[in-house]
């Protein structure tokens, strides 16, 4: 594994979740930028590069599917891992059809999430 930190864009409107995940991922040599919603994430992605995005499916301002579609137009090669905690596996599967790398159900096992990030970034 390289010494360079993996750049992660974490998009979720649950600040408690993003705070905890940011801390845990940062301890694993990841540089994490958080966004509280889809429009904020799109603004961030316009100005910064990321190796992978973790994207919640259910947010107040935009659906995760809408954000995924925009991400895929902006940076087609960036892998997106969708997170869903509302039993909406069907929407997660739709995300896969729209180009998401994979999805996990929240709350997800942290080691499983790390494995998905490593797989997506080929580390």
N, C-alpha and C. Protein backbone atom coordinates (compact mmCIF):
# COMPACT_ATOMS: atom_id res chain seq x y z
N UNK A 1 0.85 -1.18 0.00
CA UNK A 1 0.00 0.00 0.00
C UNK A 1 0.88 1.23 0.00
N UNK A 2 0.53 2.25 -0.73
CA UNK A 2 1.33 3.46 -0.84
C UNK A 2 1.19 4.33 0.42
N UNK A 3 2.14 5.26 0.54
CA UNK A 3 2.11 6.18 1.69
C UNK A 3 1.11 7.30 1.47
N UNK A 4 0.71 7.50 0.22
CA UNK A 4 -0.21 8.58 -0.11
C UNK A 4 -1.60 8.26 0.45
N UNK A 5 -2.18 9.23 1.13
CA UNK A 5 -3.51 9.03 1.72
C UNK A 5 -4.55 8.88 0.61
N UNK A 6 -5.47 7.96 0.81
CA UNK A 6 -6.60 7.81 -0.10
C UNK A 6 -7.55 8.97 0.14
N UNK A 7 -7.92 9.67 -0.94
CA UNK A 7 -8.81 10.84 -0.82
C UNK A 7 -10.26 10.39 -0.95
N UNK A 8 -11.01 10.57 0.13
CA UNK A 8 -12.39 10.09 0.22
C UNK A 8 -13.35 11.27 0.34
N UNK A 9 -14.39 11.27 -0.49
CA UNK A 9 -15.48 12.23 -0.35
C UNK A 9 -16.64 11.49 0.29
N UNK A 10 -17.01 11.89 1.51
CA UNK A 10 -18.08 11.24 2.27
C UNK A 10 -19.30 12.15 2.25
N UNK A 11 -20.38 11.68 1.63
CA UNK A 11 -21.59 12.49 1.46
C UNK A 11 -22.74 11.86 2.23
N UNK A 12 -23.18 12.55 3.30
CA UNK A 12 -24.26 12.04 4.13
C UNK A 12 -24.81 13.21 4.93
N UNK A 13 -26.14 13.28 5.09
CA UNK A 13 -26.72 14.38 5.85
C UNK A 13 -26.83 14.10 7.35
N UNK A 14 -26.37 12.93 7.78
CA UNK A 14 -26.35 12.60 9.21
C UNK A 14 -24.98 12.97 9.75
N UNK A 15 -24.87 14.13 10.40
CA UNK A 15 -23.56 14.63 10.83
C UNK A 15 -22.91 13.72 11.86
N UNK A 16 -23.67 13.07 12.71
CA UNK A 16 -23.09 12.14 13.66
C UNK A 16 -22.35 11.03 12.95
N UNK A 17 -22.96 10.51 11.90
CA UNK A 17 -22.35 9.44 11.11
C UNK A 17 -21.08 9.93 10.42
N UNK A 18 -21.16 11.11 9.77
CA UNK A 18 -19.99 11.60 9.05
C UNK A 18 -18.84 11.93 10.01
N UNK A 19 -19.15 12.46 11.18
CA UNK A 19 -18.09 12.78 12.15
C UNK A 19 -17.34 11.52 12.57
N UNK A 20 -18.09 10.47 12.92
CA UNK A 20 -17.47 9.21 13.36
C UNK A 20 -16.68 8.58 12.22
N UNK A 21 -17.28 8.50 11.04
CA UNK A 21 -16.61 7.87 9.90
C UNK A 21 -15.35 8.64 9.50
N UNK A 22 -15.43 9.95 9.54
CA UNK A 22 -14.28 10.78 9.20
C UNK A 22 -13.11 10.46 10.12
N UNK A 23 -13.37 10.40 11.41
CA UNK A 23 -12.31 10.08 12.38
C UNK A 23 -11.74 8.68 12.14
N UNK A 24 -12.63 7.71 11.98
CA UNK A 24 -12.17 6.33 11.81
C UNK A 24 -11.38 6.14 10.51
N UNK A 25 -11.85 6.74 9.43
CA UNK A 25 -11.14 6.62 8.15
C UNK A 25 -9.81 7.37 8.18
N UNK A 26 -9.78 8.52 8.83
CA UNK A 26 -8.55 9.31 8.92
C UNK A 26 -7.44 8.52 9.62
N UNK A 27 -7.83 7.71 10.59
CA UNK A 27 -6.84 6.87 11.30
C UNK A 27 -6.28 5.77 10.40
N UNK A 28 -6.90 5.53 9.26
CA UNK A 28 -6.47 4.49 8.33
C UNK A 28 -5.79 5.08 7.10
N UNK A 29 -5.11 6.20 7.28
CA UNK A 29 -4.38 6.85 6.19
C UNK A 29 -5.31 7.28 5.04
N UNK A 30 -6.46 7.85 5.43
CA UNK A 30 -7.37 8.38 4.42
C UNK A 30 -7.62 9.85 4.70
N UNK A 31 -7.63 10.62 3.65
CA UNK A 31 -7.91 12.05 3.74
C UNK A 31 -9.40 12.21 3.40
N UNK A 32 -10.20 12.56 4.39
CA UNK A 32 -11.65 12.55 4.22
C UNK A 32 -12.20 13.97 4.18
N UNK A 33 -13.01 14.23 3.16
CA UNK A 33 -13.74 15.50 3.05
C UNK A 33 -15.20 15.13 3.14
N UNK A 34 -15.95 15.83 4.00
CA UNK A 34 -17.37 15.51 4.16
C UNK A 34 -18.25 16.57 3.51
N UNK A 35 -19.41 16.12 3.09
CA UNK A 35 -20.45 17.01 2.55
C UNK A 35 -21.77 16.59 3.18
N UNK A 36 -22.55 17.56 3.61
CA UNK A 36 -23.82 17.29 4.28
C UNK A 36 -24.99 17.07 3.34
N UNK A 37 -24.73 17.09 2.05
CA UNK A 37 -25.81 16.88 1.08
C UNK A 37 -25.26 16.86 -0.33
N UNK A 38 -26.14 16.58 -1.27
CA UNK A 38 -25.74 16.43 -2.66
C UNK A 38 -25.19 17.69 -3.29
N UNK A 39 -25.86 18.85 -3.08
CA UNK A 39 -25.38 20.07 -3.73
C UNK A 39 -24.03 20.49 -3.19
N UNK A 40 -23.82 20.31 -1.88
CA UNK A 40 -22.51 20.64 -1.29
C UNK A 40 -21.43 19.72 -1.87
N UNK A 41 -21.75 18.44 -2.02
CA UNK A 41 -20.79 17.48 -2.57
C UNK A 41 -20.40 17.84 -4.00
N UNK A 42 -21.37 18.26 -4.80
CA UNK A 42 -21.10 18.64 -6.19
C UNK A 42 -20.17 19.85 -6.23
N UNK A 43 -20.41 20.84 -5.35
CA UNK A 43 -19.54 22.02 -5.27
C UNK A 43 -18.11 21.61 -4.91
N UNK A 44 -17.98 20.72 -3.93
CA UNK A 44 -16.65 20.25 -3.51
C UNK A 44 -15.95 19.52 -4.65
N UNK A 45 -16.69 18.66 -5.34
CA UNK A 45 -16.10 17.87 -6.43
C UNK A 45 -15.64 18.75 -7.59
N UNK A 46 -16.24 19.91 -7.73
CA UNK A 46 -15.81 20.84 -8.79
C UNK A 46 -14.40 21.35 -8.53
N UNK A 47 -14.00 21.42 -7.26
CA UNK A 47 -12.73 22.05 -6.89
C UNK A 47 -11.67 21.09 -6.38
N UNK A 48 -12.04 19.85 -6.09
CA UNK A 48 -11.08 18.90 -5.51
C UNK A 48 -11.19 17.55 -6.20
N UNK A 49 -10.10 16.80 -6.13
CA UNK A 49 -10.06 15.45 -6.70
C UNK A 49 -10.15 14.42 -5.58
N UNK A 50 -10.81 13.31 -5.86
CA UNK A 50 -10.96 12.24 -4.88
C UNK A 50 -10.69 10.90 -5.55
N UNK A 51 -10.25 9.95 -4.71
CA UNK A 51 -10.02 8.59 -5.20
C UNK A 51 -11.29 7.76 -5.17
N UNK A 52 -12.21 8.11 -4.25
CA UNK A 52 -13.45 7.35 -4.08
C UNK A 52 -14.47 8.25 -3.37
N UNK A 53 -15.75 7.99 -3.63
CA UNK A 53 -16.82 8.70 -2.92
C UNK A 53 -17.69 7.69 -2.19
N UNK A 54 -18.07 8.03 -0.96
CA UNK A 54 -19.05 7.25 -0.19
C UNK A 54 -20.30 8.11 -0.17
N UNK A 55 -21.38 7.59 -0.70
CA UNK A 55 -22.56 8.40 -0.95
C UNK A 55 -23.81 7.78 -0.34
N UNK A 56 -24.45 8.54 0.55
CA UNK A 56 -25.70 8.09 1.14
C UNK A 56 -26.81 8.18 0.10
N UNK A 57 -27.72 7.21 0.13
CA UNK A 57 -28.83 7.20 -0.84
C UNK A 57 -29.95 8.17 -0.47
N UNK A 58 -30.21 8.32 0.82
CA UNK A 58 -31.35 9.15 1.25
C UNK A 58 -30.85 10.40 1.95
N UNK A 59 -31.02 11.54 1.27
CA UNK A 59 -30.62 12.82 1.84
C UNK A 59 -31.74 13.82 1.62
N UNK A 60 -31.69 14.89 2.39
CA UNK A 60 -32.75 15.90 2.33
C UNK A 60 -32.81 16.61 0.97
N UNK A 61 -31.65 17.09 0.49
CA UNK A 61 -31.68 17.98 -0.68
C UNK A 61 -31.78 17.26 -2.02
N UNK A 62 -31.10 16.12 -2.15
CA UNK A 62 -31.11 15.38 -3.41
C UNK A 62 -31.03 13.90 -3.09
N UNK A 63 -31.51 13.08 -3.99
CA UNK A 63 -31.36 11.63 -3.76
C UNK A 63 -29.94 11.23 -4.13
N UNK A 64 -29.48 10.16 -3.52
CA UNK A 64 -28.15 9.65 -3.84
C UNK A 64 -28.02 9.27 -5.31
N UNK A 65 -29.11 8.79 -5.89
CA UNK A 65 -29.09 8.41 -7.32
C UNK A 65 -28.83 9.65 -8.18
N UNK A 66 -29.50 10.77 -7.86
CA UNK A 66 -29.28 12.02 -8.61
C UNK A 66 -27.82 12.47 -8.50
N UNK A 67 -27.30 12.40 -7.28
CA UNK A 67 -25.91 12.82 -7.05
C UNK A 67 -24.96 11.89 -7.81
N UNK A 68 -25.22 10.59 -7.76
CA UNK A 68 -24.41 9.62 -8.47
C UNK A 68 -24.36 9.96 -9.97
N UNK A 69 -25.51 10.25 -10.55
CA UNK A 69 -25.57 10.55 -11.98
C UNK A 69 -24.71 11.77 -12.32
N UNK A 70 -24.76 12.79 -11.45
CA UNK A 70 -23.96 14.00 -11.68
C UNK A 70 -22.48 13.70 -11.49
N UNK A 71 -22.13 12.96 -10.43
CA UNK A 71 -20.74 12.56 -10.20
C UNK A 71 -20.18 11.84 -11.42
N UNK A 72 -20.98 10.91 -11.98
CA UNK A 72 -20.52 10.10 -13.10
C UNK A 72 -20.31 10.94 -14.35
N UNK A 73 -21.05 12.06 -14.48
CA UNK A 73 -20.82 12.99 -15.60
C UNK A 73 -19.56 13.82 -15.36
N UNK A 74 -19.36 14.20 -14.08
CA UNK A 74 -18.22 15.06 -13.74
C UNK A 74 -16.89 14.30 -13.76
N UNK A 75 -16.86 13.14 -13.11
CA UNK A 75 -15.63 12.35 -12.97
C UNK A 75 -15.99 10.88 -13.18
N UNK A 76 -16.16 10.46 -14.44
CA UNK A 76 -16.63 9.10 -14.72
C UNK A 76 -15.77 7.99 -14.10
N UNK A 77 -14.47 8.25 -13.94
CA UNK A 77 -13.58 7.19 -13.44
C UNK A 77 -13.57 7.07 -11.91
N UNK A 78 -14.17 8.02 -11.20
CA UNK A 78 -14.18 7.95 -9.73
C UNK A 78 -15.18 6.91 -9.24
N UNK A 79 -14.71 5.89 -8.49
CA UNK A 79 -15.65 4.90 -7.96
C UNK A 79 -16.53 5.51 -6.87
N UNK A 80 -17.80 5.12 -6.88
CA UNK A 80 -18.76 5.60 -5.89
C UNK A 80 -19.33 4.38 -5.17
N UNK A 81 -19.21 4.39 -3.84
CA UNK A 81 -19.80 3.33 -3.02
C UNK A 81 -21.03 3.92 -2.36
N UNK A 82 -22.18 3.34 -2.61
CA UNK A 82 -23.43 3.85 -2.07
C UNK A 82 -23.70 3.25 -0.69
N UNK A 83 -24.21 4.07 0.21
CA UNK A 83 -24.57 3.63 1.55
C UNK A 83 -26.06 3.83 1.72
N UNK A 84 -26.74 2.82 2.22
CA UNK A 84 -28.17 2.97 2.45
C UNK A 84 -28.55 2.35 3.78
N UNK A 85 -29.35 3.09 4.54
CA UNK A 85 -29.74 2.58 5.84
C UNK A 85 -31.24 2.45 5.98
N UNK A 86 -31.94 2.60 4.91
CA UNK A 86 -33.40 2.65 5.00
C UNK A 86 -34.05 1.47 4.30
N UNK A 87 -33.36 0.36 4.29
CA UNK A 87 -33.93 -0.84 3.67
C UNK A 87 -34.18 -0.70 2.19
N UNK A 88 -33.49 0.25 1.55
CA UNK A 88 -33.76 0.47 0.13
C UNK A 88 -32.70 -0.18 -0.73
N UNK A 89 -32.60 -1.49 -0.60
CA UNK A 89 -31.65 -2.22 -1.43
C UNK A 89 -31.99 -2.09 -2.92
N UNK A 90 -33.27 -1.93 -3.20
CA UNK A 90 -33.69 -1.78 -4.60
C UNK A 90 -33.05 -0.52 -5.19
N UNK A 91 -33.07 0.58 -4.43
CA UNK A 91 -32.45 1.83 -4.89
C UNK A 91 -30.94 1.66 -5.03
N UNK A 92 -30.34 0.91 -4.12
CA UNK A 92 -28.90 0.65 -4.19
C UNK A 92 -28.57 -0.13 -5.47
N UNK A 93 -29.41 -1.09 -5.80
CA UNK A 93 -29.20 -1.85 -7.04
C UNK A 93 -29.36 -0.94 -8.26
N UNK A 94 -30.30 0.00 -8.16
CA UNK A 94 -30.45 0.98 -9.25
C UNK A 94 -29.16 1.79 -9.38
N UNK A 95 -28.57 2.14 -8.24
CA UNK A 95 -27.30 2.86 -8.24
C UNK A 95 -26.21 2.09 -8.96
N UNK A 96 -26.20 0.77 -8.75
CA UNK A 96 -25.21 -0.08 -9.43
C UNK A 96 -25.43 -0.02 -10.95
N UNK A 97 -26.69 0.00 -11.36
CA UNK A 97 -26.99 0.10 -12.79
C UNK A 97 -26.57 1.45 -13.35
N UNK A 98 -26.56 2.47 -12.49
CA UNK A 98 -26.17 3.83 -12.91
C UNK A 98 -24.67 4.05 -12.84
N UNK A 99 -23.93 3.03 -12.43
CA UNK A 99 -22.47 3.15 -12.44
C UNK A 99 -21.79 3.15 -11.09
N UNK A 100 -22.53 2.93 -10.01
CA UNK A 100 -21.89 2.85 -8.68
C UNK A 100 -20.97 1.64 -8.65
N UNK A 101 -19.88 1.74 -7.91
CA UNK A 101 -18.93 0.63 -7.79
C UNK A 101 -19.56 -0.50 -6.98
N UNK A 102 -20.22 -0.15 -5.87
CA UNK A 102 -20.83 -1.14 -4.99
C UNK A 102 -21.73 -0.41 -4.00
N UNK A 103 -22.37 -1.18 -3.11
CA UNK A 103 -23.16 -0.55 -2.06
C UNK A 103 -23.05 -1.36 -0.78
N UNK A 104 -23.32 -0.68 0.33
CA UNK A 104 -23.34 -1.30 1.65
C UNK A 104 -24.57 -0.82 2.38
N UNK A 105 -25.12 -1.69 3.23
CA UNK A 105 -26.25 -1.31 4.06
C UNK A 105 -25.72 -0.70 5.35
N UNK A 106 -26.33 0.43 5.76
CA UNK A 106 -25.96 1.05 7.04
C UNK A 106 -26.81 0.46 8.14
N UNK A 107 -26.32 0.29 9.34
CA UNK A 107 -24.91 0.52 9.67
C UNK A 107 -24.05 -0.59 9.09
N UNK A 108 -22.95 -0.21 8.46
CA UNK A 108 -22.10 -1.21 7.82
C UNK A 108 -20.92 -1.56 8.73
N UNK A 109 -20.42 -2.75 8.53
CA UNK A 109 -19.24 -3.18 9.25
C UNK A 109 -18.06 -2.37 8.72
N UNK A 110 -17.30 -1.77 9.66
CA UNK A 110 -16.21 -0.87 9.26
C UNK A 110 -15.15 -1.59 8.43
N UNK A 111 -14.79 -2.79 8.82
CA UNK A 111 -13.78 -3.55 8.07
C UNK A 111 -14.27 -3.86 6.66
N UNK A 112 -15.57 -4.12 6.54
CA UNK A 112 -16.16 -4.39 5.22
C UNK A 112 -16.08 -3.11 4.36
N UNK A 113 -16.36 -1.96 4.99
CA UNK A 113 -16.27 -0.68 4.27
C UNK A 113 -14.83 -0.45 3.81
N UNK A 114 -13.87 -0.68 4.69
CA UNK A 114 -12.46 -0.51 4.31
C UNK A 114 -12.09 -1.41 3.14
N UNK A 115 -12.57 -2.65 3.17
CA UNK A 115 -12.29 -3.59 2.08
C UNK A 115 -12.87 -3.07 0.76
N UNK A 116 -14.08 -2.52 0.80
CA UNK A 116 -14.71 -1.98 -0.42
C UNK A 116 -13.92 -0.78 -0.95
N UNK A 117 -13.46 0.10 -0.02
CA UNK A 117 -12.68 1.27 -0.44
C UNK A 117 -11.38 0.80 -1.08
N UNK A 118 -10.71 -0.16 -0.46
CA UNK A 118 -9.44 -0.68 -1.02
C UNK A 118 -9.67 -1.32 -2.39
N UNK A 119 -10.76 -2.05 -2.49
CA UNK A 119 -11.09 -2.69 -3.77
C UNK A 119 -11.38 -1.63 -4.85
N UNK A 120 -12.12 -0.61 -4.46
CA UNK A 120 -12.49 0.45 -5.42
C UNK A 120 -11.27 1.25 -5.87
N UNK A 121 -10.30 1.43 -4.95
CA UNK A 121 -9.13 2.22 -5.28
C UNK A 121 -7.94 1.33 -5.63
N UNK A 122 -8.18 0.01 -5.67
CA UNK A 122 -7.18 -0.99 -6.03
C UNK A 122 -5.92 -0.90 -5.18
N UNK A 123 -6.14 -0.79 -3.84
CA UNK A 123 -5.00 -0.72 -2.91
C UNK A 123 -4.88 -2.01 -2.15
